[in-house]
Amino acid sequence: MDLKRLAGGSDVSAPTVSPSMATALLAYSGIGVKMLIDQQVGAQLHTMFMVDYQPTAIAHPHDHPFEEAYVFVEGEVHGLIDGELLILHPGDVLWAGVGCDTASRTGARARPVDRGPGAGPPPRHSYRFSREWNISPTN
């Protein structure tokens, strides 16, 4: 994903579609997320999305109310997974259960592909950042 190219938005003459994770790019803290498979393309029991870490990207401590499985395809990601530091490389797979506290950072571009929850992330509270709950990630 070329975040600089996508940051300018769509051309006025481009086809119009309803905004969703399938048609929009979610970018935060140097991380881009783009849905590849979800209900917008007819999937009922499967989702998949690409995560694009830009150099020095960071995902602050958080958990999800669903399970996730990541396959790392490019770069190196340093992950803090329930208090354990893991260094993930292409070919590595990471599974995180419901409520697993995770944080990650990278010094260079990296890309994992996520096979997420069956019906897709819930419409609210998909990311539950520890700082918003005023708790320590080690509690």
Protein backbone atom coordinates (compact mmCIF):
# COMPACT_ATOMS: atom_id res chain seq x y z
CA MET A 1 0.00 0.00 0.00
CA ASP A 2 1.32 3.41 -0.92
CA LEU A 3 -0.02 5.58 1.93
CA LYS A 4 1.24 8.81 0.34
CA ARG A 5 -0.63 8.07 -2.89
CA LEU A 6 -3.78 7.05 -1.03
CA ALA A 7 -3.73 10.06 1.31
CA GLY A 8 -4.91 12.33 -1.52
CA GLY A 9 -8.26 10.56 -1.78
CA SER A 10 -10.12 9.31 -4.82
CA ASP A 11 -10.55 11.16 -8.09
CA VAL A 12 -13.97 12.78 -8.44
CA SER A 13 -14.71 10.61 -11.48
CA ALA A 14 -13.87 7.39 -9.63
CA PRO A 15 -16.72 4.92 -9.00
CA THR A 16 -18.63 5.63 -5.84
CA VAL A 17 -19.02 2.95 -3.18
CA SER A 18 -20.16 3.01 0.40
CA PRO A 19 -17.31 3.57 2.85
CA SER A 20 -16.29 0.52 4.84
CA MET A 21 -13.13 -1.27 5.84
CA ALA A 22 -13.35 -2.97 2.43
CA THR A 23 -13.28 0.28 0.47
CA ALA A 24 -11.32 2.60 2.74
CA LEU A 25 -7.82 2.65 4.15
CA LEU A 26 -7.54 3.00 7.91
CA ALA A 27 -4.21 4.61 8.77
CA TYR A 28 -2.94 5.47 12.25
CA SER A 29 0.43 5.72 14.03
CA GLY A 30 2.24 4.77 10.82
CA ILE A 31 0.10 1.68 10.30
CA GLY A 32 -2.21 1.14 7.33
CA VAL A 33 -5.00 -1.45 7.41
CA LYS A 34 -6.84 -2.54 4.26
CA MET A 35 -9.58 -5.17 4.15
CA LEU A 36 -9.03 -7.86 1.51
CA ILE A 37 -11.92 -10.22 2.24
CA ASP A 38 -15.10 -9.49 4.19
CA GLN A 39 -18.87 -9.36 3.76
CA GLN A 40 -18.49 -6.65 1.09
CA VAL A 41 -17.10 -9.29 -1.29
CA GLY A 42 -19.58 -11.98 -0.27
CA ALA A 43 -17.68 -13.70 2.55
CA GLN A 44 -19.92 -14.71 5.46
CA LEU A 45 -17.54 -16.60 7.75
CA HIS A 46 -14.14 -15.14 6.93
CA THR A 47 -12.21 -11.88 6.96
CA MET A 48 -8.67 -11.08 5.89
CA PHE A 49 -6.77 -7.80 5.84
CA MET A 50 -3.29 -6.50 5.06
CA VAL A 51 -1.41 -4.46 7.66
CA ASP A 52 1.29 -2.13 6.38
CA TYR A 53 3.79 -0.90 8.98
CA GLN A 54 5.71 2.16 7.83
CA PRO A 55 9.21 2.71 9.29
CA THR A 56 8.98 3.56 13.02
CA ALA A 57 5.29 2.57 13.21
CA ILE A 58 3.89 1.75 16.63
CA ALA A 59 0.72 0.06 17.87
CA HIS A 60 0.21 0.96 21.52
CA PRO A 61 -0.89 -1.72 24.03
CA HIS A 62 -4.39 -2.93 23.26
CA ASP A 63 -6.55 -6.03 23.04
CA HIS A 64 -9.48 -7.16 20.93
CA PRO A 65 -12.80 -8.87 21.72
CA PHE A 66 -11.97 -11.45 19.02
CA GLU A 67 -9.19 -13.83 17.98
CA GLU A 68 -6.61 -12.92 15.35
CA ALA A 69 -4.02 -14.84 13.35
CA TYR A 70 -1.19 -12.99 11.55
CA VAL A 71 1.13 -14.36 8.88
CA PHE A 72 4.18 -12.13 8.49
CA VAL A 73 5.18 -11.65 4.85
CA GLU A 74 7.71 -8.80 4.91
CA GLY A 75 10.03 -7.00 7.35
CA GLU A 76 10.54 -7.40 11.09
CA VAL A 77 8.05 -6.55 13.82
CA HIS A 78 8.82 -6.38 17.53
CA GLY A 79 5.70 -7.46 19.41
CA LEU A 80 4.92 -7.40 23.10
CA ILE A 81 2.38 -10.21 23.44
CA ASP A 82 0.92 -10.62 26.94
CA GLY A 83 4.20 -9.29 28.35
CA GLU A 84 6.50 -11.47 26.20
CA LEU A 85 8.76 -9.81 23.60
CA LEU A 86 8.64 -11.57 20.23
CA ILE A 87 10.57 -10.59 17.11
CA LEU A 88 8.52 -11.66 14.10
CA HIS A 89 9.93 -12.28 10.60
CA PRO A 90 8.54 -13.38 7.21
CA GLY A 91 7.03 -16.85 7.57
CA ASP A 92 6.20 -16.43 11.27
CA VAL A 93 2.61 -16.86 12.42
CA LEU A 94 1.13 -15.18 15.49
CA TRP A 95 -2.21 -16.13 17.01
CA ALA A 96 -3.75 -13.84 19.64
CA GLY A 97 -6.78 -14.91 21.66
CA VAL A 98 -9.62 -12.74 22.94
CA GLY A 99 -8.25 -10.25 25.45
CA CYS A 100 -4.58 -10.91 24.60
CA ASP A 101 -2.73 -7.66 25.32
CA THR A 102 -0.55 -6.74 22.34
CA ALA A 103 1.70 -3.89 21.26
CA SER A 104 4.11 -3.67 18.35
CA ARG A 105 6.69 -1.49 16.66
CA THR A 106 9.00 -1.65 13.70
CA GLY A 107 12.14 0.12 12.56
CA ALA A 108 11.50 -0.56 8.88
CA ARG A 109 8.57 -1.34 6.63
CA ALA A 110 6.80 -4.60 7.54
CA ARG A 111 3.66 -6.44 6.42
CA PRO A 112 1.60 -9.11 8.13
CA VAL A 113 -1.64 -10.49 6.72
CA ASP A 114 -4.38 -11.04 9.29
CA ARG A 115 -7.02 -13.71 9.14
CA GLY A 116 -9.40 -12.08 11.57
CA PRO A 117 -12.76 -12.86 13.13
CA GLY A 118 -15.30 -14.81 11.10
CA ALA A 119 -18.00 -12.17 10.86
CA GLY A 120 -15.55 -9.27 10.91
CA PRO A 121 -14.58 -6.89 13.69
CA PRO A 122 -17.47 -5.56 15.76
CA PRO A 123 -18.70 -2.11 14.70
CA ARG A 124 -17.56 -0.59 18.04
CA HIS A 125 -14.68 -1.27 20.42
CA SER A 126 -12.60 -3.37 17.98
CA TYR A 127 -9.46 -1.91 19.56
CA ARG A 128 -9.44 -1.62 23.35
CA PHE A 129 -6.37 0.50 24.12
CA SER A 130 -4.99 -0.03 27.63
CA ARG A 131 -4.41 3.71 28.12
CA GLU A 132 -8.15 4.34 27.67
CA TRP A 133 -9.02 1.90 30.43
CA ASN A 134 -6.45 3.44 32.81
CA ILE A 135 -4.86 0.08 33.57
CA SER A 136 -1.36 -1.27 33.24
CA PRO A 137 -0.76 -3.79 30.42
CA THR A 138 0.74 -6.10 33.06
CA ASN A 139 -2.46 -6.24 35.19
